[in-house]
Amino acid sequence: MPDDRTLRRRAEQLSTLDASPGFVFMNEEIDKKAAKMRDALAARLIAGEEVAQLQRQADYDRGFVDGMRYPREVVKGAVNTMRRLDQQLAEPPEPTDEWSRHASPT
């Protein structure tokens, strides 16, 4: 398991992809491809194609689209990691009451 410094550096590198023009373009293309696949499947459904064939195609398409979207999810995870680490750094540790350890039980 990487230490906090390594994890932060990796998360920073991945989170910068989110604003990269190439990454934005890739996400737009993924969304277009997913929409085309959805529309094609809907057209086949409306045309009355056999349900078993449509189910196989729907399962395949779902896996394909999930695979296309995987890089997006990695970047989202990195951004969430950055937010979590930033929040941990921003919040001061809660003070502890050392005297309460010595109090007698009642």
N, C-alpha and C. Protein backbone atom coordinates (compact mmCIF):
# COMPACT_ATOMS: atom_id res chain seq x y z
N MET A 1 0.86 -1.18 0.00
CA MET A 1 0.00 0.00 0.00
C MET A 1 0.90 1.23 0.00
N PRO A 2 0.66 2.15 -0.94
CA PRO A 2 1.48 3.34 -1.00
C PRO A 2 1.24 4.25 0.19
N ASP A 3 2.27 5.01 0.56
CA ASP A 3 2.10 5.95 1.66
C ASP A 3 1.27 7.16 1.20
N ASP A 4 0.91 8.03 2.15
CA ASP A 4 0.03 9.16 1.84
C ASP A 4 0.63 10.09 0.79
N ARG A 5 1.93 10.30 0.87
CA ARG A 5 2.60 11.21 -0.08
C ARG A 5 2.51 10.65 -1.51
N THR A 6 2.79 9.37 -1.68
CA THR A 6 2.71 8.73 -2.99
C THR A 6 1.28 8.72 -3.49
N LEU A 7 0.34 8.38 -2.62
CA LEU A 7 -1.07 8.36 -2.98
C LEU A 7 -1.53 9.74 -3.44
N ARG A 8 -1.12 10.76 -2.72
CA ARG A 8 -1.50 12.13 -3.07
C ARG A 8 -0.92 12.52 -4.43
N ARG A 9 0.35 12.20 -4.67
CA ARG A 9 0.98 12.55 -5.94
C ARG A 9 0.28 11.85 -7.11
N ARG A 10 -0.04 10.58 -6.93
CA ARG A 10 -0.75 9.84 -7.98
C ARG A 10 -2.14 10.42 -8.21
N ALA A 11 -2.83 10.74 -7.13
CA ALA A 11 -4.18 11.30 -7.25
C ALA A 11 -4.12 12.67 -7.94
N GLU A 12 -3.10 13.49 -7.62
CA GLU A 12 -2.95 14.79 -8.27
C GLU A 12 -2.74 14.61 -9.77
N GLN A 13 -1.89 13.66 -10.15
CA GLN A 13 -1.62 13.43 -11.56
C GLN A 13 -2.88 12.99 -12.29
N LEU A 14 -3.63 12.08 -11.70
CA LEU A 14 -4.86 11.61 -12.34
C LEU A 14 -5.93 12.68 -12.37
N SER A 15 -6.03 13.47 -11.30
CA SER A 15 -7.09 14.48 -11.24
C SER A 15 -6.88 15.59 -12.26
N THR A 16 -5.64 15.82 -12.70
CA THR A 16 -5.41 16.84 -13.72
C THR A 16 -5.94 16.40 -15.07
N LEU A 17 -6.12 15.11 -15.26
CA LEU A 17 -6.68 14.62 -16.52
C LEU A 17 -8.09 15.13 -16.76
N ASP A 18 -8.82 15.34 -15.69
CA ASP A 18 -10.23 15.73 -15.78
C ASP A 18 -10.43 16.98 -16.63
N ALA A 19 -9.50 17.91 -16.58
CA ALA A 19 -9.62 19.16 -17.34
C ALA A 19 -8.87 19.13 -18.66
N SER A 20 -8.16 18.06 -18.93
CA SER A 20 -7.39 17.95 -20.17
C SER A 20 -8.32 17.92 -21.37
N PRO A 21 -8.02 18.72 -22.41
CA PRO A 21 -8.89 18.73 -23.59
C PRO A 21 -9.06 17.34 -24.22
N GLY A 22 -8.00 16.56 -24.24
CA GLY A 22 -8.09 15.22 -24.80
C GLY A 22 -9.02 14.32 -24.00
N PHE A 23 -8.97 14.45 -22.69
CA PHE A 23 -9.83 13.64 -21.82
C PHE A 23 -11.28 14.05 -21.97
N VAL A 24 -11.50 15.37 -22.06
CA VAL A 24 -12.86 15.88 -22.26
C VAL A 24 -13.42 15.36 -23.59
N PHE A 25 -12.60 15.42 -24.64
CA PHE A 25 -13.01 14.93 -25.95
C PHE A 25 -13.32 13.43 -25.89
N MET A 26 -12.46 12.67 -25.22
CA MET A 26 -12.68 11.23 -25.08
C MET A 26 -14.02 10.95 -24.40
N ASN A 27 -14.32 11.68 -23.34
CA ASN A 27 -15.58 11.48 -22.63
C ASN A 27 -16.78 11.81 -23.52
N GLU A 28 -16.66 12.86 -24.32
CA GLU A 28 -17.74 13.20 -25.25
C GLU A 28 -17.95 12.08 -26.26
N GLU A 29 -16.87 11.52 -26.78
CA GLU A 29 -16.97 10.43 -27.75
C GLU A 29 -17.56 9.18 -27.12
N ILE A 30 -17.20 8.91 -25.88
CA ILE A 30 -17.76 7.76 -25.16
C ILE A 30 -19.27 7.93 -25.03
N ASP A 31 -19.69 9.13 -24.64
CA ASP A 31 -21.13 9.39 -24.48
C ASP A 31 -21.86 9.25 -25.82
N LYS A 32 -21.24 9.73 -26.90
CA LYS A 32 -21.87 9.60 -28.23
C LYS A 32 -22.00 8.13 -28.62
N LYS A 33 -20.93 7.35 -28.41
CA LYS A 33 -20.96 5.93 -28.76
C LYS A 33 -22.01 5.20 -27.93
N ALA A 34 -22.09 5.49 -26.64
CA ALA A 34 -23.09 4.85 -25.77
C ALA A 34 -24.50 5.21 -26.24
N ALA A 35 -24.72 6.45 -26.64
CA ALA A 35 -26.04 6.87 -27.12
C ALA A 35 -26.40 6.15 -28.42
N LYS A 36 -25.42 5.99 -29.31
CA LYS A 36 -25.67 5.27 -30.56
C LYS A 36 -26.03 3.81 -30.28
N MET A 37 -25.31 3.20 -29.36
CA MET A 37 -25.59 1.80 -29.02
C MET A 37 -26.98 1.67 -28.41
N ARG A 38 -27.34 2.60 -27.53
CA ARG A 38 -28.66 2.59 -26.90
C ARG A 38 -29.76 2.76 -27.95
N ASP A 39 -29.56 3.70 -28.86
CA ASP A 39 -30.56 3.95 -29.90
C ASP A 39 -30.72 2.75 -30.83
N ALA A 40 -29.60 2.11 -31.17
CA ALA A 40 -29.65 0.93 -32.05
C ALA A 40 -30.41 -0.21 -31.37
N LEU A 41 -30.16 -0.41 -30.09
CA LEU A 41 -30.84 -1.46 -29.36
C LEU A 41 -32.34 -1.15 -29.22
N ALA A 42 -32.66 0.11 -28.97
CA ALA A 42 -34.07 0.50 -28.88
C ALA A 42 -34.78 0.29 -30.21
N ALA A 43 -34.11 0.59 -31.31
CA ALA A 43 -34.71 0.39 -32.63
C ALA A 43 -34.98 -1.09 -32.88
N ARG A 44 -34.06 -1.94 -32.47
CA ARG A 44 -34.26 -3.39 -32.63
C ARG A 44 -35.41 -3.88 -31.77
N LEU A 45 -35.54 -3.31 -30.58
CA LEU A 45 -36.63 -3.68 -29.68
C LEU A 45 -37.98 -3.29 -30.28
N ILE A 46 -38.04 -2.08 -30.78
CA ILE A 46 -39.28 -1.60 -31.40
C ILE A 46 -39.63 -2.41 -32.65
N ALA A 47 -38.59 -2.85 -33.37
CA ALA A 47 -38.83 -3.63 -34.59
C ALA A 47 -39.34 -5.03 -34.28
N GLY A 48 -39.32 -5.42 -33.00
CA GLY A 48 -39.88 -6.71 -32.60
C GLY A 48 -38.90 -7.87 -32.67
N GLU A 49 -37.61 -7.58 -32.59
CA GLU A 49 -36.62 -8.65 -32.63
C GLU A 49 -36.77 -9.56 -31.41
N GLU A 50 -36.30 -10.77 -31.55
CA GLU A 50 -36.41 -11.78 -30.48
C GLU A 50 -35.77 -11.27 -29.19
N VAL A 51 -36.49 -11.47 -28.10
CA VAL A 51 -36.08 -10.94 -26.80
C VAL A 51 -34.74 -11.54 -26.35
N ALA A 52 -34.52 -12.83 -26.56
CA ALA A 52 -33.28 -13.46 -26.12
C ALA A 52 -32.07 -12.83 -26.81
N GLN A 53 -32.18 -12.54 -28.09
CA GLN A 53 -31.09 -11.89 -28.81
C GLN A 53 -30.85 -10.47 -28.29
N LEU A 54 -31.95 -9.78 -28.03
CA LEU A 54 -31.84 -8.42 -27.51
C LEU A 54 -31.20 -8.41 -26.13
N GLN A 55 -31.53 -9.40 -25.30
CA GLN A 55 -30.96 -9.47 -23.96
C GLN A 55 -29.45 -9.69 -24.04
N ARG A 56 -29.02 -10.60 -24.92
CA ARG A 56 -27.58 -10.84 -25.10
C ARG A 56 -26.88 -9.56 -25.56
N GLN A 57 -27.52 -8.87 -26.51
CA GLN A 57 -26.92 -7.62 -27.02
C GLN A 57 -26.88 -6.56 -25.93
N ALA A 58 -27.94 -6.46 -25.14
CA ALA A 58 -27.98 -5.48 -24.05
C ALA A 58 -26.88 -5.76 -23.03
N ASP A 59 -26.68 -7.04 -22.69
CA ASP A 59 -25.63 -7.41 -21.75
C ASP A 59 -24.25 -7.07 -22.31
N TYR A 60 -24.05 -7.37 -23.58
CA TYR A 60 -22.78 -7.06 -24.23
C TYR A 60 -22.55 -5.55 -24.24
N ASP A 61 -23.56 -4.80 -24.66
CA ASP A 61 -23.44 -3.34 -24.74
C ASP A 61 -23.14 -2.74 -23.37
N ARG A 62 -23.82 -3.24 -22.35
CA ARG A 62 -23.60 -2.71 -21.00
C ARG A 62 -22.15 -2.91 -20.57
N GLY A 63 -21.61 -4.09 -20.82
CA GLY A 63 -20.21 -4.36 -20.48
C GLY A 63 -19.26 -3.51 -21.30
N PHE A 64 -19.57 -3.34 -22.57
CA PHE A 64 -18.73 -2.53 -23.45
C PHE A 64 -18.70 -1.08 -22.99
N VAL A 65 -19.87 -0.54 -22.68
CA VAL A 65 -19.95 0.85 -22.23
C VAL A 65 -19.26 1.01 -20.87
N ASP A 66 -19.44 0.05 -19.98
CA ASP A 66 -18.74 0.12 -18.69
C ASP A 66 -17.23 0.14 -18.90
N GLY A 67 -16.74 -0.66 -19.84
CA GLY A 67 -15.31 -0.67 -20.15
C GLY A 67 -14.85 0.67 -20.71
N MET A 68 -15.65 1.27 -21.58
CA MET A 68 -15.29 2.58 -22.13
C MET A 68 -15.25 3.64 -21.03
N ARG A 69 -16.12 3.51 -20.06
CA ARG A 69 -16.22 4.53 -19.00
C ARG A 69 -15.23 4.30 -17.85
N TYR A 70 -14.51 3.21 -17.87
CA TYR A 70 -13.60 2.89 -16.77
C TYR A 70 -12.58 4.01 -16.51
N PRO A 71 -11.92 4.56 -17.55
CA PRO A 71 -10.96 5.64 -17.26
C PRO A 71 -11.60 6.83 -16.56
N ARG A 72 -12.83 7.13 -16.93
CA ARG A 72 -13.56 8.23 -16.28
C ARG A 72 -13.72 7.95 -14.80
N GLU A 73 -14.04 6.71 -14.47
CA GLU A 73 -14.24 6.35 -13.06
C GLU A 73 -12.92 6.40 -12.27
N VAL A 74 -11.82 6.04 -12.93
CA VAL A 74 -10.51 6.13 -12.27
C VAL A 74 -10.20 7.58 -11.92
N VAL A 75 -10.46 8.48 -12.86
CA VAL A 75 -10.20 9.91 -12.62
C VAL A 75 -11.13 10.43 -11.53
N LYS A 76 -12.40 10.04 -11.56
CA LYS A 76 -13.33 10.46 -10.50
C LYS A 76 -12.84 9.99 -9.14
N GLY A 77 -12.35 8.76 -9.09
CA GLY A 77 -11.81 8.24 -7.83
C GLY A 77 -10.62 9.04 -7.35
N ALA A 78 -9.76 9.44 -8.28
CA ALA A 78 -8.60 10.26 -7.91
C ALA A 78 -9.03 11.61 -7.38
N VAL A 79 -10.01 12.22 -8.03
CA VAL A 79 -10.51 13.51 -7.57
C VAL A 79 -11.11 13.37 -6.17
N ASN A 80 -11.86 12.31 -5.94
CA ASN A 80 -12.43 12.07 -4.61
C ASN A 80 -11.34 11.85 -3.57
N THR A 81 -10.29 11.14 -3.95
CA THR A 81 -9.16 10.93 -3.04
C THR A 81 -8.51 12.25 -2.69
N MET A 82 -8.33 13.11 -3.70
CA MET A 82 -7.75 14.43 -3.45
C MET A 82 -8.61 15.23 -2.48
N ARG A 83 -9.91 15.21 -2.70
CA ARG A 83 -10.82 15.95 -1.81
C ARG A 83 -10.73 15.42 -0.38
N ARG A 84 -10.70 14.09 -0.26
CA ARG A 84 -10.63 13.49 1.07
C ARG A 84 -9.32 13.87 1.77
N LEU A 85 -8.21 13.80 1.04
CA LEU A 85 -6.92 14.16 1.63
C LEU A 85 -6.87 15.63 1.98
N ASP A 86 -7.42 16.49 1.10
CA ASP A 86 -7.45 17.92 1.39
C ASP A 86 -8.28 18.22 2.62
N GLN A 87 -9.40 17.50 2.75
CA GLN A 87 -10.27 17.70 3.91
C GLN A 87 -9.55 17.25 5.19
N GLN A 88 -8.83 16.15 5.12
CA GLN A 88 -8.10 15.68 6.29
C GLN A 88 -7.03 16.68 6.71
N LEU A 89 -6.38 17.31 5.73
CA LEU A 89 -5.36 18.30 6.04
C LEU A 89 -5.98 19.58 6.59
N ALA A 90 -7.18 19.92 6.13
CA ALA A 90 -7.83 21.17 6.54
C ALA A 90 -8.41 21.08 7.95
N GLU A 91 -8.81 19.88 8.35
CA GLU A 91 -9.43 19.72 9.67
C GLU A 91 -8.36 19.48 10.72
N PRO A 92 -8.29 20.37 11.71
CA PRO A 92 -7.31 20.15 12.78
C PRO A 92 -7.73 18.94 13.62
N PRO A 93 -6.76 18.24 14.14
CA PRO A 93 -7.12 17.08 14.96
C PRO A 93 -7.91 17.53 16.19
N GLU A 94 -8.84 16.69 16.60
CA GLU A 94 -9.67 17.02 17.74
C GLU A 94 -8.84 16.93 19.02
N PRO A 95 -8.97 17.95 19.87
CA PRO A 95 -8.18 17.90 21.11
C PRO A 95 -8.67 16.76 22.01
N THR A 96 -7.75 16.18 22.69
CA THR A 96 -8.12 15.10 23.60
C THR A 96 -8.03 15.61 25.03
N ASP A 97 -8.91 15.12 25.84
CA ASP A 97 -8.94 15.49 27.24
C ASP A 97 -8.13 14.45 28.00
N GLU A 98 -6.88 14.78 28.27
CA GLU A 98 -6.00 13.83 28.95
C GLU A 98 -6.45 13.56 30.40
N TRP A 99 -7.14 14.51 31.00
CA TRP A 99 -7.55 14.35 32.39
C TRP A 99 -8.67 13.31 32.53
N SER A 100 -9.46 13.14 31.46
CA SER A 100 -10.58 12.20 31.57
C SER A 100 -10.08 10.76 31.71
N ARG A 101 -8.86 10.50 31.28
CA ARG A 101 -8.31 9.14 31.43
C ARG A 101 -8.07 8.80 32.89
N HIS A 102 -7.88 9.83 33.69
CA HIS A 102 -7.54 9.61 35.10
C HIS A 102 -8.73 9.72 36.03
N ALA A 103 -9.89 10.01 35.49
CA ALA A 103 -11.09 10.18 36.32
C ALA A 103 -11.47 8.84 36.90
N SER A 104 -12.00 8.86 38.09
CA SER A 104 -12.42 7.61 38.72
C SER A 104 -13.78 7.20 38.20
N PRO A 105 -13.98 5.90 37.96
CA PRO A 105 -15.28 5.44 37.49
C PRO A 105 -16.34 5.66 38.55
N THR A 106 -17.54 5.99 38.12
CA THR A 106 -18.61 6.22 39.10
C THR A 106 -19.59 5.09 39.13
